[in-house]
Protein backbone atom coordinates (compact mmCIF):
# COMPACT_ATOMS: atom_id res chain seq x y z
CA MET A 1 59.52 51.56 -55.37
CA THR A 2 59.03 47.81 -54.08
CA LYS A 3 55.46 47.05 -53.53
CA GLU A 4 53.99 45.50 -50.73
CA LEU A 5 51.26 42.80 -50.42
CA ARG A 6 49.55 43.74 -46.93
CA ILE A 7 47.53 41.71 -45.02
CA GLU A 8 45.79 42.63 -41.64
CA ASN A 9 43.94 41.47 -39.15
CA LEU A 10 41.84 39.26 -41.64
CA ARG A 11 39.32 37.17 -40.41
CA VAL A 12 37.61 34.61 -42.99
CA ALA A 13 34.66 32.07 -42.46
CA ILE A 14 33.29 29.56 -44.82
CA GLY A 15 29.77 28.20 -44.51
CA GLY A 16 29.28 30.04 -41.47
CA LYS A 17 32.70 28.67 -39.68
CA GLU A 18 35.26 31.04 -38.95
CA ILE A 19 38.63 29.60 -40.18
CA LEU A 20 40.78 32.86 -40.18
CA ARG A 21 40.97 34.46 -37.04
CA GLY A 22 43.23 37.56 -37.53
CA VAL A 23 46.21 36.66 -40.23
CA ASN A 24 48.78 39.54 -40.00
CA LEU A 25 51.36 38.98 -43.18
CA THR A 26 53.56 41.27 -45.39
CA ILE A 27 55.05 40.53 -48.37
CA ARG A 28 57.20 42.92 -50.23
CA GLN A 29 58.58 42.37 -53.72
CA GLY A 30 61.40 40.25 -54.35
CA GLU A 31 60.70 38.48 -51.07
CA VAL A 32 60.24 35.01 -50.88
CA HIS A 33 57.83 33.43 -47.65
CA ALA A 34 56.92 30.00 -46.48
CA LEU A 35 53.57 29.31 -44.70
CA MET A 36 53.46 26.29 -43.18
CA GLY A 37 51.11 24.53 -41.03
CA PRO A 38 49.73 21.51 -40.36
CA ASN A 39 46.48 20.14 -42.54
CA GLY A 40 43.12 21.80 -41.84
CA SER A 41 44.88 25.10 -40.36
CA GLY A 42 43.87 27.35 -42.80
CA LYS A 43 46.23 27.58 -45.44
CA SER A 44 44.06 27.12 -48.67
CA THR A 45 41.68 29.48 -46.78
CA LEU A 46 44.03 32.29 -46.72
CA SER A 47 44.66 31.84 -50.68
CA TYR A 48 41.25 31.70 -51.95
CA ALA A 49 40.23 34.80 -49.73
CA ILE A 50 43.44 36.61 -50.86
CA MET A 51 42.17 35.94 -54.51
CA GLY A 52 38.27 36.49 -54.29
CA HIS A 53 36.89 32.92 -53.89
CA PRO A 54 33.00 33.57 -53.89
CA ASN A 55 32.71 31.15 -51.21
CA TYR A 56 34.95 32.75 -48.33
CA GLU A 57 33.34 35.27 -46.50
CA VAL A 58 35.75 37.97 -45.48
CA LEU A 59 34.66 39.34 -41.73
CA ASP A 60 37.06 41.56 -41.05
CA GLY A 61 40.82 42.71 -41.81
CA SER A 62 41.85 43.90 -44.91
CA VAL A 63 44.31 43.28 -47.59
CA THR A 64 46.29 45.70 -49.63
CA LEU A 65 48.40 45.54 -52.72
CA ASP A 66 50.82 48.81 -52.67
CA GLY A 67 47.99 50.47 -50.90
CA ARG A 68 45.18 49.62 -52.51
CA ASP A 69 42.38 47.67 -51.52
CA ILE A 70 41.92 44.59 -53.11
CA LEU A 71 38.60 43.13 -51.13
CA THR A 72 37.01 45.40 -53.12
CA MET A 73 38.04 44.03 -56.23
CA GLU A 74 36.42 40.87 -58.27
CA PRO A 75 38.77 38.27 -58.79
CA ASP A 76 40.08 38.86 -62.19
CA GLU A 77 41.12 42.28 -61.29
CA ARG A 78 42.99 41.13 -58.52
CA ALA A 79 44.70 39.31 -61.26
CA LYS A 80 45.04 42.28 -63.12
CA ALA A 81 46.25 44.38 -60.47
CA GLY A 82 49.23 41.79 -59.93
CA LEU A 83 48.04 38.74 -58.14
CA PHE A 84 48.86 34.89 -58.84
CA LEU A 85 47.75 32.03 -57.76
CA ALA A 86 48.98 28.26 -58.15
CA PHE A 87 46.04 26.27 -57.43
CA GLN A 88 46.82 22.75 -55.51
CA TYR A 89 44.19 20.84 -57.75
CA PRO A 90 44.25 22.65 -60.80
CA THR A 91 41.39 22.01 -63.16
CA ALA A 92 40.77 20.93 -66.76
CA ILE A 93 39.40 22.92 -69.48
CA PRO A 94 38.63 20.99 -72.11
CA GLY A 95 38.40 22.55 -75.54
CA VAL A 96 41.02 25.51 -74.34
CA THR A 97 44.85 25.26 -75.58
CA VAL A 98 47.28 26.32 -73.31
CA ALA A 99 48.53 28.82 -75.85
CA ASN A 100 45.00 30.40 -75.96
CA PHE A 101 44.54 30.36 -72.48
CA LEU A 102 48.11 32.10 -72.00
CA ARG A 103 47.58 34.54 -74.68
CA HIS A 104 44.39 35.91 -73.43
CA ALA A 105 45.40 35.86 -69.94
CA VAL A 106 48.68 38.02 -70.74
CA THR A 107 46.80 40.27 -73.16
CA ASN A 108 44.25 40.77 -69.92
CA VAL A 109 46.86 41.23 -67.83
CA ARG A 110 49.23 43.65 -69.72
CA ASN A 111 46.25 45.89 -71.00
CA PRO A 112 43.89 46.23 -68.02
CA GLU A 113 41.83 48.53 -69.75
CA ARG A 114 40.96 45.91 -73.03
CA LYS A 115 37.47 45.54 -73.46
CA GLU A 116 35.73 42.12 -74.81
CA GLY A 117 36.71 42.27 -79.03
CA GLU A 118 39.36 44.24 -78.71
CA ASP A 119 42.77 42.71 -80.61
CA LEU A 120 45.03 40.40 -78.60
CA ILE A 121 48.97 40.61 -78.08
CA PRO A 122 50.63 40.14 -81.62
CA MET A 123 50.81 36.38 -82.51
CA ARG A 124 54.32 36.84 -83.49
CA ASP A 125 55.22 38.29 -80.40
CA PHE A 126 53.47 35.98 -78.12
CA ARG A 127 54.93 32.92 -79.60
CA LYS A 128 58.27 34.16 -79.40
CA GLU A 129 58.11 35.03 -75.54
CA LEU A 130 55.98 31.36 -75.16
CA HIS A 131 58.75 29.52 -76.87
CA GLN A 132 61.37 31.43 -74.81
CA GLN A 133 59.76 31.04 -71.52
CA MET A 134 59.13 27.13 -72.71
CA ASP A 135 62.63 26.61 -72.93
CA GLU A 136 64.13 28.32 -69.91
CA LEU A 137 61.31 25.65 -68.11
CA GLY A 138 62.76 22.69 -70.27
CA MET A 139 59.23 21.99 -72.00
CA ASP A 140 58.28 21.08 -75.01
CA HIS A 141 56.92 23.56 -77.52
CA ASP A 142 54.25 20.50 -78.50
CA PHE A 143 53.13 21.75 -74.78
CA ALA A 144 51.23 24.53 -75.88
CA ARG A 145 48.92 22.88 -78.30
CA ARG A 146 47.16 20.48 -75.90
CA TYR A 147 44.04 21.41 -73.86
CA LEU A 148 45.09 23.00 -70.52
CA ASN A 149 45.33 20.42 -67.78
CA GLU A 150 43.32 17.99 -69.77
CA GLY A 151 45.22 14.34 -69.24
CA PHE A 152 48.18 16.43 -67.73
CA SER A 153 49.88 14.37 -65.17
CA GLY A 154 50.74 15.98 -61.68
CA GLY A 155 53.97 17.03 -62.72
CA GLU A 156 52.42 18.43 -66.17
CA LYS A 157 49.53 20.24 -64.55
CA LYS A 158 52.05 22.03 -62.13
CA ARG A 159 54.63 23.01 -64.69
CA ALA A 160 51.56 24.73 -66.77
CA GLU A 161 50.96 26.55 -63.97
CA ILE A 162 54.58 27.74 -63.45
CA LEU A 163 54.46 28.50 -67.66
CA GLN A 164 51.47 30.66 -66.57
CA LEU A 165 53.38 32.25 -63.68
CA SER A 166 56.50 33.14 -65.92
CA MET A 167 54.20 34.56 -68.77
CA LEU A 168 51.87 36.85 -66.41
CA ARG A 169 54.98 38.17 -64.63
CA PRO A 170 52.66 39.26 -61.25
CA ALA A 171 53.70 41.57 -58.67
CA PHE A 172 52.78 38.79 -56.23
CA ALA A 173 52.35 34.79 -56.34
CA ILE A 174 50.87 32.75 -54.10
CA LEU A 175 51.82 28.72 -54.42
CA ASP A 176 49.19 26.75 -52.93
CA GLU A 177 50.81 23.42 -51.97
CA THR A 178 52.23 23.21 -55.35
CA ASP A 179 54.58 20.02 -54.37
CA SER A 180 51.25 18.15 -53.47
CA GLY A 181 51.55 14.89 -55.06
CA LEU A 182 54.99 15.40 -57.11
CA ASP A 183 57.68 12.89 -56.86
CA ILE A 184 60.93 14.52 -55.59
CA ASP A 185 62.45 15.27 -59.24
CA ALA A 186 58.96 16.98 -60.33
CA VAL A 187 59.57 19.44 -56.93
CA ARG A 188 63.08 20.06 -57.81
CA ILE A 189 62.26 21.18 -61.83
CA VAL A 190 58.92 23.19 -60.42
CA SER A 191 61.18 24.97 -57.76
CA GLU A 192 63.70 25.73 -60.33
CA GLY A 193 61.09 27.59 -62.34
CA VAL A 194 59.91 29.49 -59.51
CA ASN A 195 63.49 30.25 -58.27
CA ARG A 196 63.97 31.53 -61.62
CA ILE A 197 61.00 33.62 -62.56
CA ALA A 198 61.01 35.26 -58.45
CA ALA A 199 64.89 36.53 -59.24
CA LYS A 200 64.41 37.56 -62.90
CA ASN A 201 60.88 39.38 -62.35
CA SER A 202 61.13 40.27 -58.41
CA THR A 203 58.32 38.61 -57.65
CA GLY A 204 57.15 38.61 -54.03
CA VAL A 205 56.25 34.97 -53.65
CA LEU A 206 54.18 32.78 -50.85
CA VAL A 207 54.81 29.53 -50.41
CA ILE A 208 52.02 27.28 -48.84
CA THR A 209 52.85 23.97 -47.89
CA HIS A 210 53.02 21.52 -45.22
CA TYR A 211 56.26 19.50 -46.19
CA GLU A 212 59.74 20.53 -45.69
CA ARG A 213 61.07 18.78 -49.11
CA ILE A 214 60.07 21.84 -51.52
CA LEU A 215 61.70 24.38 -48.76
CA THR A 216 65.43 22.53 -49.96
CA TYR A 217 64.84 23.99 -53.50
CA ILE A 218 63.02 27.12 -52.88
CA LYS A 219 64.76 28.85 -49.74
CA PRO A 220 62.27 31.15 -48.39
CA GLN A 221 63.73 34.59 -46.39
CA PHE A 222 60.91 34.16 -44.05
CA VAL A 223 59.05 31.64 -42.24
CA HIS A 224 55.45 31.96 -41.00
CA ILE A 225 53.47 28.96 -39.24
CA LEU A 226 49.60 29.21 -39.47
CA PHE A 227 47.94 27.41 -36.76
CA GLY A 228 44.25 27.48 -35.28
CA GLY A 229 43.39 30.27 -37.88
CA GLN A 230 46.17 32.33 -36.67
CA ILE A 231 50.08 32.96 -37.39
CA VAL A 232 51.66 31.80 -34.42
CA GLU A 233 55.26 32.04 -34.98
CA ASN A 234 57.37 33.96 -37.11
CA GLY A 235 61.13 33.73 -38.32
CA GLY A 236 63.29 32.16 -40.81
CA PRO A 237 64.93 28.69 -41.98
CA GLU A 238 65.22 27.79 -38.52
CA LEU A 239 61.62 27.61 -38.09
CA VAL A 240 61.65 24.82 -41.24
CA LYS A 241 64.47 22.72 -39.34
CA GLN A 242 62.44 22.89 -36.47
CA LEU A 243 59.68 21.63 -37.66
CA GLU A 244 61.40 18.85 -39.55
CA LYS A 245 62.87 17.57 -36.23
CA ASP A 246 59.88 17.81 -33.96
CA GLY A 247 56.21 18.33 -36.00
CA TYR A 248 53.88 20.97 -34.89
CA ASP A 249 53.96 19.05 -31.08
CA TRP A 250 56.09 22.18 -29.57
CA VAL A 251 53.53 24.63 -31.30
CA ARG A 252 50.85 22.65 -29.59
CA GLU A 253 52.38 22.79 -26.10
CA ARG A 254 52.97 26.39 -26.54
CA TYR A 255 49.77 27.74 -27.88
CA PRO A 256 47.16 25.86 -25.81
CA GLU A 257 44.41 27.75 -27.07
CA ALA A 258 45.49 27.91 -30.81
CA ALA A 259 45.66 23.90 -30.45
CA GLN A 260 42.23 23.57 -29.28
CA THR A 261 41.09 26.17 -32.20
CA GLU A 262 42.84 23.53 -34.44
CA GLU A 263 41.13 20.51 -33.67
CA ALA A 264 38.09 22.25 -34.67
CA LEU A 265 39.27 23.39 -37.75
CA GLU A 266 40.68 20.10 -38.66
CA LEU A 267 36.88 18.78 -38.64
CA ALA A 268 35.61 21.63 -40.55
CA ALA A 269 38.45 21.51 -42.94
CA LYS A 270 37.24 18.40 -44.13
CA GLN A 271 34.11 19.77 -45.39
CA GLN A 272 35.95 23.12 -46.55
CA HIS A 273 36.17 22.44 -50.18
CA VAL A 274 33.64 20.58 -50.89
CA GLN A 275 31.23 23.42 -49.65
CA ALA A 276 33.29 25.86 -51.57
CA GLY A 277 33.34 24.24 -54.79
CA VAL A 278 36.84 25.27 -55.70
CA ARG A 279 37.21 24.82 -59.07
CA GLN A 280 37.32 28.19 -61.06
CA PRO A 281 40.83 28.87 -62.27
CA SER A 282 39.56 30.92 -64.82
CA GLU A 283 38.17 33.31 -62.54
CA LEU A 284 41.01 33.42 -60.68
CA ARG A 285 43.23 34.54 -64.13
CA ALA A 286 42.87 37.29 -66.41
CA THR A 287 39.71 36.11 -68.38
CA PRO A 288 40.56 33.44 -70.23
CA PRO A 289 38.91 32.51 -73.65
CA PRO A 290 35.60 30.64 -74.47
CA ALA A 291 36.08 26.75 -74.57
CA THR A 292 35.13 25.21 -78.18
CA SER A 293 34.11 21.48 -78.75
CA PRO A 294 36.42 19.22 -76.79
CA SER A 295 36.97 17.28 -79.86
CA ARG A 296 38.82 19.80 -82.26
CA PRO A 297 40.96 22.53 -81.26
CA ILE A 298 40.70 26.38 -81.35
CA ALA A 299 41.68 27.54 -84.20
CA SER A 300 45.04 27.45 -85.98
CA THR A 301 45.93 30.76 -85.70
CA THR A 302 46.28 30.57 -82.01
CA GLN A 303 48.38 27.11 -82.16
CA THR A 304 51.94 27.58 -81.77
């Protein structure tokens, strides 16, 4: 049976300021959706609220995954339930290698009842799968020995996120402006990885962006425009072409009340991420291992 992620009348505030004002969206496994909107429209607010960031207050509405209320779950429980968020600005975790992070995360996602201290996924099985996924993404195996996101270029950070996506095999993946700061070659490589994973694992994908270029490579069946804290337009690829041609002026003309709200949200957005302190990738994945001293890697048994 196909799972679905259903968002109904979701209202979210940060710092006492209401950002989302009744968002409705349903994504089914295997579907690719694009959520577009100008800066400050609430796109990232939606992603962090879904994943349970503590600074985002849900005022009303519901988010369910296959009928289960995820708003009552802790962030790591949401990850175990099948949600994945690729961050716009992934945070470095000194002392934790990519391989060690992934081995813990994969174990916790595939064995949600695992208790602290219980065995991880067998190293031989993990290494075989990791190398296979890295080969499919065109990544050097030595990449897994590096500390997570430490000294990574923008493209390397995004490819590390796509590697996590391929290993965790979530039911639903939210890609929050994953094309931000990437050159066209990196956008293409990341997009090819997303397309491969979505097709292989029947993953439901929500691509959040305000650029059209990534949608040249990731082909959404459904496109939504978030404006003034609400989804005001639903359609298909034709919406992308219209935005590319005319920008958001026609949206402002069609929805004047939302346009007024959008101006207020744009001002609030300048303070939004500072107030939220969005620097917690470990909370929004399955629980990772503790960091060791940055001067040396995790024990060699976890290296690949």
